[in-house]
Each structure stands twice: as C-alpha cells, then as structure tokens.
Amino acid sequence: MIKRSDDDRLSQTFAALANSTRRAILARLAEGEATVNELAEPFDLSLPAISKHIKVLERAGLITQGQKAQYRPCTIDVTPLEEVSKWTEQYRHIWETRFDRMDDYINQLKNREKDNE
C-alpha cells in the first residue's frame, strides 16, 4: 500500500517528468554531472528558464546541485525514479495479460489467413 507522503512524492515526480525539457535534462544527467550552462546548451531557452526547470527537478528530488569551487554541478538522483518503477510494477500483470490476449488474437488472425489460402 502506498502511503500519503509517497503518493505526494509520486505526484511531484510525475509532474516534473511531464515536461519534455525536464526529461531531456534528466537524460543528459544520466550520462554524468553537468553545470547549468552545459544543461542549457542544447535548448533554445534562457538560463533563467533552464534554472526554473532545474528547480522543479530539485523539488521533486530528481536532481541535486553541489558546490564545486565557482560552479554548482547538477547530478541525477534515481531514488524518485525507483519509486515510479515500484509503483508501475503493481500494474505489470495487467499489461502482460493484455499483451498475451493481443498475441492470441494475432495468432488467430494468422491462422485464419492460412486457412483462406
């Protein structure tokens, strides 16, 4: 059973992941830490706009910002993604059942096609 605080955290995570720019930022951080400037490079967005996206990701617990000398590198924190994975896992049996039914249906169609040849 999911506790209320877990549910709130999941809501924040899903809200953060709902934006394609934030998903792209996470994908980049999956390769290793990066500065805000490095994260901003592939986007046609201002630094303040990228910073807002980073703050959303930080509030959701998906990234952290460190302090190294003059810059603040961002790193990914996979803990909220693991929580999403656990949450979605409870629905796996539904997906698998539906895929099995679809596979059965496709096989029926193939058999009909062979019978009609």
N, C-alpha and C. Protein backbone atom coordinates (compact mmCIF):
# COMPACT_ATOMS: atom_id res chain seq x y z
N MET A 1 0.84 -1.19 0.00
CA MET A 1 0.00 0.00 0.00
C MET A 1 0.88 1.25 0.00
N ILE A 2 0.49 2.23 -0.76
CA ILE A 2 1.27 3.48 -0.85
C ILE A 2 0.78 4.46 0.20
N LYS A 3 1.72 5.00 0.97
CA LYS A 3 1.38 5.99 1.99
C LYS A 3 1.14 7.34 1.34
N ARG A 4 0.44 8.20 2.05
CA ARG A 4 0.10 9.53 1.55
C ARG A 4 1.34 10.32 1.14
N SER A 5 2.39 10.29 1.97
CA SER A 5 3.61 11.05 1.64
C SER A 5 4.26 10.48 0.38
N ASP A 6 4.20 9.14 0.21
CA ASP A 6 4.73 8.52 -1.00
C ASP A 6 3.92 8.97 -2.21
N ASP A 7 2.60 9.05 -2.03
CA ASP A 7 1.71 9.46 -3.11
C ASP A 7 2.02 10.90 -3.52
N ASP A 8 2.25 11.78 -2.55
CA ASP A 8 2.61 13.17 -2.85
C ASP A 8 3.93 13.24 -3.60
N ARG A 9 4.87 12.41 -3.18
CA ARG A 9 6.18 12.39 -3.84
C ARG A 9 6.04 11.88 -5.27
N LEU A 10 5.21 10.86 -5.47
CA LEU A 10 4.96 10.35 -6.82
C LEU A 10 4.32 11.44 -7.69
N SER A 11 3.40 12.18 -7.12
CA SER A 11 2.74 13.26 -7.87
C SER A 11 3.76 14.31 -8.31
N GLN A 12 4.66 14.66 -7.41
CA GLN A 12 5.71 15.63 -7.76
C GLN A 12 6.63 15.08 -8.84
N THR A 13 6.96 13.81 -8.73
CA THR A 13 7.84 13.19 -9.72
C THR A 13 7.18 13.17 -11.08
N PHE A 14 5.92 12.71 -11.13
CA PHE A 14 5.22 12.67 -12.41
C PHE A 14 5.03 14.07 -13.00
N ALA A 15 4.75 15.05 -12.15
CA ALA A 15 4.60 16.42 -12.64
C ALA A 15 5.91 16.93 -13.24
N ALA A 16 7.03 16.61 -12.59
CA ALA A 16 8.33 17.03 -13.11
C ALA A 16 8.64 16.33 -14.43
N LEU A 17 8.28 15.06 -14.53
CA LEU A 17 8.57 14.28 -15.74
C LEU A 17 7.61 14.59 -16.89
N ALA A 18 6.55 15.34 -16.62
CA ALA A 18 5.56 15.64 -17.65
C ALA A 18 6.09 16.59 -18.71
N ASN A 19 7.20 17.25 -18.44
CA ASN A 19 7.75 18.22 -19.37
C ASN A 19 8.94 17.63 -20.14
N SER A 20 8.91 17.76 -21.45
CA SER A 20 9.96 17.16 -22.28
C SER A 20 11.35 17.77 -22.03
N THR A 21 11.41 19.05 -21.72
CA THR A 21 12.70 19.69 -21.43
C THR A 21 13.30 19.08 -20.18
N ARG A 22 12.48 18.88 -19.16
CA ARG A 22 12.99 18.29 -17.91
C ARG A 22 13.41 16.83 -18.13
N ARG A 23 12.68 16.10 -18.96
CA ARG A 23 13.09 14.72 -19.26
C ARG A 23 14.42 14.72 -20.00
N ALA A 24 14.62 15.68 -20.90
CA ALA A 24 15.89 15.78 -21.63
C ALA A 24 17.03 16.14 -20.68
N ILE A 25 16.76 17.00 -19.74
CA ILE A 25 17.78 17.36 -18.74
C ILE A 25 18.17 16.12 -17.93
N LEU A 26 17.18 15.34 -17.52
CA LEU A 26 17.48 14.11 -16.78
C LEU A 26 18.28 13.13 -17.63
N ALA A 27 17.91 13.02 -18.90
CA ALA A 27 18.65 12.12 -19.80
C ALA A 27 20.10 12.54 -19.89
N ARG A 28 20.35 13.84 -19.97
CA ARG A 28 21.72 14.34 -20.02
C ARG A 28 22.45 14.02 -18.72
N LEU A 29 21.77 14.22 -17.58
CA LEU A 29 22.40 13.97 -16.29
C LEU A 29 22.64 12.48 -16.03
N ALA A 30 21.91 11.62 -16.73
CA ALA A 30 22.15 10.18 -16.61
C ALA A 30 23.53 9.83 -17.14
N GLU A 31 24.08 10.69 -17.99
CA GLU A 31 25.43 10.48 -18.54
C GLU A 31 26.52 10.98 -17.59
N GLY A 32 26.14 11.81 -16.63
CA GLY A 32 27.11 12.36 -15.68
C GLY A 32 26.73 13.77 -15.29
N GLU A 33 27.41 14.29 -14.27
CA GLU A 33 27.08 15.63 -13.78
C GLU A 33 27.32 16.69 -14.84
N ALA A 34 26.61 17.81 -14.69
CA ALA A 34 26.74 18.92 -15.64
C ALA A 34 26.37 20.21 -14.95
N THR A 35 26.93 21.29 -15.45
CA THR A 35 26.59 22.62 -14.94
C THR A 35 25.29 23.07 -15.60
N VAL A 36 24.72 24.13 -15.07
CA VAL A 36 23.51 24.70 -15.66
C VAL A 36 23.79 25.14 -17.09
N ASN A 37 24.94 25.75 -17.33
CA ASN A 37 25.30 26.18 -18.68
C ASN A 37 25.39 24.99 -19.64
N GLU A 38 25.98 23.90 -19.18
CA GLU A 38 26.07 22.71 -20.02
C GLU A 38 24.68 22.12 -20.30
N LEU A 39 23.83 22.15 -19.29
CA LEU A 39 22.47 21.64 -19.48
C LEU A 39 21.67 22.51 -20.42
N ALA A 40 21.96 23.81 -20.44
CA ALA A 40 21.21 24.75 -21.27
C ALA A 40 21.62 24.70 -22.74
N GLU A 41 22.83 24.22 -23.03
CA GLU A 41 23.37 24.26 -24.40
C GLU A 41 22.42 23.76 -25.50
N PRO A 42 21.81 22.59 -25.36
CA PRO A 42 21.01 22.08 -26.49
C PRO A 42 19.64 22.76 -26.65
N PHE A 43 19.28 23.63 -25.73
CA PHE A 43 17.94 24.23 -25.75
C PHE A 43 17.96 25.67 -26.22
N ASP A 44 16.90 26.06 -26.85
CA ASP A 44 16.72 27.45 -27.25
C ASP A 44 15.93 28.16 -26.15
N LEU A 45 16.49 28.12 -24.93
CA LEU A 45 15.85 28.71 -23.76
C LEU A 45 16.86 29.57 -23.02
N SER A 46 16.37 30.54 -22.29
CA SER A 46 17.25 31.39 -21.49
C SER A 46 17.75 30.61 -20.27
N LEU A 47 18.85 31.08 -19.69
CA LEU A 47 19.36 30.45 -18.46
C LEU A 47 18.33 30.49 -17.34
N PRO A 48 17.59 31.62 -17.17
CA PRO A 48 16.56 31.62 -16.12
C PRO A 48 15.48 30.56 -16.36
N ALA A 49 15.13 30.32 -17.61
CA ALA A 49 14.12 29.30 -17.91
C ALA A 49 14.66 27.91 -17.57
N ILE A 50 15.91 27.64 -17.92
CA ILE A 50 16.54 26.35 -17.58
C ILE A 50 16.63 26.21 -16.07
N SER A 51 16.97 27.29 -15.39
CA SER A 51 17.06 27.26 -13.93
C SER A 51 15.72 26.91 -13.30
N LYS A 52 14.64 27.41 -13.87
CA LYS A 52 13.30 27.07 -13.35
C LYS A 52 13.04 25.57 -13.51
N HIS A 53 13.41 25.02 -14.66
CA HIS A 53 13.23 23.58 -14.87
C HIS A 53 14.07 22.79 -13.85
N ILE A 54 15.28 23.26 -13.60
CA ILE A 54 16.16 22.59 -12.64
C ILE A 54 15.55 22.64 -11.24
N LYS A 55 14.96 23.76 -10.88
CA LYS A 55 14.33 23.89 -9.56
C LYS A 55 13.16 22.91 -9.42
N VAL A 56 12.37 22.73 -10.48
CA VAL A 56 11.27 21.76 -10.45
C VAL A 56 11.82 20.36 -10.23
N LEU A 57 12.88 20.03 -10.95
CA LEU A 57 13.51 18.71 -10.80
C LEU A 57 14.10 18.53 -9.40
N GLU A 58 14.66 19.60 -8.86
CA GLU A 58 15.21 19.55 -7.50
C GLU A 58 14.11 19.33 -6.47
N ARG A 59 13.01 20.08 -6.59
CA ARG A 59 11.89 19.94 -5.65
C ARG A 59 11.31 18.52 -5.69
N ALA A 60 11.34 17.91 -6.85
CA ALA A 60 10.85 16.53 -6.99
C ALA A 60 11.88 15.52 -6.51
N GLY A 61 13.08 15.98 -6.17
CA GLY A 61 14.13 15.10 -5.68
C GLY A 61 14.85 14.34 -6.77
N LEU A 62 14.63 14.74 -8.04
CA LEU A 62 15.24 14.04 -9.17
C LEU A 62 16.68 14.45 -9.44
N ILE A 63 17.06 15.65 -9.00
CA ILE A 63 18.45 16.09 -9.15
C ILE A 63 18.89 16.82 -7.89
N THR A 64 20.19 16.89 -7.74
CA THR A 64 20.79 17.69 -6.68
C THR A 64 21.83 18.60 -7.30
N GLN A 65 22.06 19.72 -6.65
CA GLN A 65 23.10 20.64 -7.09
C GLN A 65 24.16 20.70 -6.01
N GLY A 66 25.39 20.49 -6.42
CA GLY A 66 26.50 20.55 -5.49
C GLY A 66 27.18 21.90 -5.55
N GLN A 67 28.30 22.00 -4.87
CA GLN A 67 29.08 23.23 -4.87
C GLN A 67 30.53 22.84 -5.07
N LYS A 68 31.08 23.13 -6.24
CA LYS A 68 32.48 22.87 -6.52
C LYS A 68 33.11 24.17 -6.99
N ALA A 69 33.93 24.72 -6.14
CA ALA A 69 34.62 25.98 -6.45
C ALA A 69 33.62 27.01 -6.94
N GLN A 70 33.73 27.43 -8.20
CA GLN A 70 32.92 28.52 -8.74
C GLN A 70 31.59 28.06 -9.34
N TYR A 71 31.40 26.75 -9.49
CA TYR A 71 30.18 26.31 -10.17
C TYR A 71 29.42 25.29 -9.33
N ARG A 72 28.15 25.08 -9.71
CA ARG A 72 27.27 24.18 -8.98
C ARG A 72 26.80 23.06 -9.92
N PRO A 73 27.55 21.97 -9.98
CA PRO A 73 27.17 20.88 -10.89
C PRO A 73 25.89 20.19 -10.43
N CYS A 74 25.08 19.79 -11.40
CA CYS A 74 23.85 19.05 -11.13
C CYS A 74 24.13 17.57 -11.33
N THR A 75 23.52 16.75 -10.50
CA THR A 75 23.60 15.29 -10.65
C THR A 75 22.20 14.71 -10.50
N ILE A 76 21.99 13.57 -11.13
CA ILE A 76 20.70 12.91 -11.07
C ILE A 76 20.61 12.11 -9.77
N ASP A 77 19.42 12.05 -9.21
CA ASP A 77 19.14 11.19 -8.05
C ASP A 77 18.05 10.23 -8.51
N VAL A 78 18.37 8.96 -8.59
CA VAL A 78 17.44 7.99 -9.16
C VAL A 78 16.38 7.50 -8.17
N THR A 79 16.46 7.89 -6.92
CA THR A 79 15.51 7.41 -5.92
C THR A 79 14.05 7.63 -6.33
N PRO A 80 13.66 8.85 -6.76
CA PRO A 80 12.26 9.03 -7.18
C PRO A 80 11.89 8.17 -8.40
N LEU A 81 12.85 7.93 -9.29
CA LEU A 81 12.58 7.07 -10.45
C LEU A 81 12.38 5.63 -10.01
N GLU A 82 13.10 5.20 -8.99
CA GLU A 82 12.90 3.85 -8.45
C GLU A 82 11.50 3.74 -7.85
N GLU A 83 11.02 4.82 -7.21
CA GLU A 83 9.67 4.81 -6.64
C GLU A 83 8.62 4.72 -7.75
N VAL A 84 8.85 5.39 -8.87
CA VAL A 84 7.95 5.30 -10.01
C VAL A 84 7.95 3.86 -10.54
N SER A 85 9.12 3.28 -10.61
CA SER A 85 9.24 1.91 -11.09
C SER A 85 8.46 0.94 -10.19
N LYS A 86 8.60 1.09 -8.89
CA LYS A 86 7.86 0.25 -7.95
C LYS A 86 6.35 0.44 -8.11
N TRP A 87 5.94 1.68 -8.27
CA TRP A 87 4.51 1.97 -8.43
C TRP A 87 3.96 1.34 -9.70
N THR A 88 4.69 1.46 -10.80
CA THR A 88 4.20 0.89 -12.06
C THR A 88 4.27 -0.63 -12.05
N GLU A 89 5.16 -1.20 -11.28
CA GLU A 89 5.31 -2.66 -11.23
C GLU A 89 4.02 -3.35 -10.80
N GLN A 90 3.24 -2.68 -9.95
CA GLN A 90 2.00 -3.29 -9.48
C GLN A 90 0.97 -3.49 -10.60
N TYR A 91 1.21 -2.86 -11.75
CA TYR A 91 0.30 -2.98 -12.89
C TYR A 91 0.84 -3.90 -13.98
N ARG A 92 2.01 -4.46 -13.77
CA ARG A 92 2.65 -5.30 -14.78
C ARG A 92 1.75 -6.45 -15.21
N HIS A 93 1.10 -7.11 -14.26
CA HIS A 93 0.28 -8.26 -14.60
C HIS A 93 -0.86 -7.87 -15.55
N ILE A 94 -1.37 -6.66 -15.42
CA ILE A 94 -2.43 -6.18 -16.31
C ILE A 94 -1.88 -6.04 -17.73
N TRP A 95 -0.72 -5.42 -17.87
CA TRP A 95 -0.12 -5.24 -19.19
C TRP A 95 0.18 -6.58 -19.83
N GLU A 96 0.79 -7.47 -19.03
CA GLU A 96 1.16 -8.77 -19.58
C GLU A 96 -0.07 -9.55 -20.03
N THR A 97 -1.15 -9.49 -19.26
CA THR A 97 -2.39 -10.17 -19.64
C THR A 97 -2.92 -9.60 -20.95
N ARG A 98 -2.90 -8.30 -21.07
CA ARG A 98 -3.39 -7.67 -22.30
C ARG A 98 -2.51 -8.01 -23.50
N PHE A 99 -1.22 -8.03 -23.30
CA PHE A 99 -0.31 -8.41 -24.39
C PHE A 99 -0.52 -9.87 -24.79
N ASP A 100 -0.74 -10.73 -23.79
CA ASP A 100 -1.00 -12.13 -24.09
C ASP A 100 -2.28 -12.29 -24.90
N ARG A 101 -3.31 -11.53 -24.53
CA ARG A 101 -4.58 -11.58 -25.28
C ARG A 101 -4.37 -11.07 -26.70
N MET A 102 -3.60 -10.02 -26.84
CA MET A 102 -3.34 -9.47 -28.17
C MET A 102 -2.55 -10.49 -29.00
N ASP A 103 -1.59 -11.13 -28.38
CA ASP A 103 -0.81 -12.15 -29.08
C ASP A 103 -1.71 -13.30 -29.54
N ASP A 104 -2.64 -13.72 -28.68
CA ASP A 104 -3.59 -14.77 -29.06
C ASP A 104 -4.43 -14.32 -30.25
N TYR A 105 -4.88 -13.10 -30.22
CA TYR A 105 -5.71 -12.57 -31.31
C TYR A 105 -4.92 -12.53 -32.63
N ILE A 106 -3.69 -12.09 -32.56
CA ILE A 106 -2.85 -12.04 -33.77
C ILE A 106 -2.64 -13.44 -34.33
N ASN A 107 -2.41 -14.40 -33.44
CA ASN A 107 -2.25 -15.78 -33.89
C ASN A 107 -3.53 -16.31 -34.54
N GLN A 108 -4.68 -15.95 -34.01
CA GLN A 108 -5.95 -16.34 -34.62
C GLN A 108 -6.07 -15.76 -36.02
N LEU A 109 -5.70 -14.50 -36.17
CA LEU A 109 -5.77 -13.86 -37.49
C LEU A 109 -4.83 -14.56 -38.48
N LYS A 110 -3.63 -14.90 -38.01
CA LYS A 110 -2.68 -15.58 -38.87
C LYS A 110 -3.22 -16.95 -39.30
N ASN A 111 -3.82 -17.65 -38.35
CA ASN A 111 -4.38 -18.96 -38.67
C ASN A 111 -5.52 -18.85 -39.67
N ARG A 112 -6.37 -17.85 -39.52
CA ARG A 112 -7.45 -17.63 -40.48
C ARG A 112 -6.91 -17.34 -41.87
N GLU A 113 -5.84 -16.53 -41.88
CA GLU A 113 -5.21 -16.18 -43.16
C GLU A 113 -4.66 -17.43 -43.85
N LYS A 114 -4.04 -18.31 -43.08
CA LYS A 114 -3.51 -19.56 -43.62
C LYS A 114 -4.64 -20.45 -44.13
N ASP A 115 -5.74 -20.50 -43.40
CA ASP A 115 -6.89 -21.31 -43.81
C ASP A 115 -7.52 -20.83 -45.10
N ASN A 116 -7.43 -19.52 -45.33
CA ASN A 116 -8.05 -18.92 -46.52
C ASN A 116 -7.14 -19.02 -47.74
N GLU A 117 -5.94 -19.46 -47.57
CA GLU A 117 -5.01 -19.55 -48.71
C GLU A 117 -5.29 -20.74 -49.57
